[in-house]
C-alpha cells in the first residue's frame, strides 16, 4: 500500500470518528489531570534531551557545509 492510499485511509478514518461521535459527559479527577501533566512534561523533556544529544553534531555539520559553500 503506498503512502497516498494510507494517508487517504487515515484521513477518512479520522473524519468518520470525528463526525459520528456521540456527546459524552465525563469527569476527569485530579489524579488523571496530574497524569496527563506528567506525560506532557515527559514528552517535552524527552524532545529536549534528544535535541541536546544531536545539537553539537548538527552545528558542526552545518558549519562544515557553510565553509564548503564559500
Protein backbone atom coordinates (compact mmCIF):
# COMPACT_ATOMS: atom_id res chain seq x y z
CA UNK A 1 0.00 0.00 0.00
CA UNK A 2 1.53 3.31 -0.98
CA UNK A 3 1.58 6.40 1.21
CA UNK A 4 -1.18 8.27 -0.64
CA UNK A 5 -3.67 5.45 -0.11
CA UNK A 6 -2.59 5.07 3.51
CA UNK A 7 -2.96 8.82 4.09
CA UNK A 8 -6.43 8.82 2.49
CA UNK A 9 -7.50 5.86 4.62
CA UNK A 10 -6.17 7.52 7.78
CA UNK A 11 -7.88 10.81 6.91
CA UNK A 12 -11.18 9.07 6.19
CA UNK A 13 -10.96 7.17 9.46
CA UNK A 14 -10.31 10.37 11.43
CA UNK A 15 -13.17 12.10 9.65
CA UNK A 16 -15.59 9.27 10.44
CA UNK A 17 -14.52 9.18 14.07
CA UNK A 18 -14.93 12.93 14.47
CA UNK A 19 -18.28 13.11 12.63
CA UNK A 20 -20.02 10.11 14.17
CA UNK A 21 -19.04 10.59 17.81
CA UNK A 22 -21.69 10.99 20.45
CA UNK A 23 -21.70 13.50 23.25
CA UNK A 24 -20.06 12.15 26.38
CA UNK A 25 -20.08 13.65 29.81
CA UNK A 26 -17.12 12.57 31.84
CA UNK A 27 -15.35 13.67 34.97
CA UNK A 28 -11.58 13.99 34.99
CA UNK A 29 -10.40 13.64 38.55
CA UNK A 30 -7.25 15.38 39.83
CA UNK A 31 -5.26 12.15 39.55
CA UNK A 32 -5.97 11.93 35.82
CA UNK A 33 -5.10 15.57 35.29
CA UNK A 34 -1.84 15.04 37.14
CA UNK A 35 -1.03 12.02 34.98
CA UNK A 36 -1.73 13.97 31.78
CA UNK A 37 0.54 16.78 33.01
CA UNK A 38 3.33 14.30 33.82
CA UNK A 39 3.08 12.76 30.36
CA UNK A 40 3.21 16.21 28.76
CA UNK A 41 6.29 17.19 30.80
CA UNK A 42 7.98 13.86 30.00
CA UNK A 43 7.41 14.32 26.26
CA UNK A 44 8.79 17.88 26.33
CA UNK A 45 11.79 16.72 28.37
CA UNK A 46 12.46 13.81 26.03
CA UNK A 47 12.37 16.06 22.98
CA UNK A 48 14.74 18.50 24.68
CA UNK A 49 17.15 15.72 25.65
CA UNK A 50 17.13 14.22 22.16
CA UNK A 51 17.78 17.65 20.66
CA UNK A 52 20.69 18.25 23.04
CA UNK A 53 22.28 14.95 22.05
CA UNK A 54 22.43 15.90 18.40
CA UNK A 55 22.90 19.67 18.73
CA UNK A 56 26.71 19.61 18.58
CA UNK A 57 26.75 17.21 15.63
CA UNK A 58 24.22 19.36 13.79
CA UNK A 59 26.13 22.60 14.34
CA UNK A 60 29.41 21.00 13.21
CA UNK A 61 27.72 19.60 10.11
CA UNK A 62 26.19 22.96 9.20
CA UNK A 63 29.48 24.80 9.83
CA UNK A 64 31.33 22.42 7.50
CA UNK A 65 28.64 22.80 4.87
CA UNK A 66 28.84 26.58 5.14
CA UNK A 67 32.65 26.51 4.74
CA UNK A 68 32.34 24.36 1.61
CA UNK A 69 29.93 26.84 0.01
CA UNK A 70 32.42 29.71 0.40
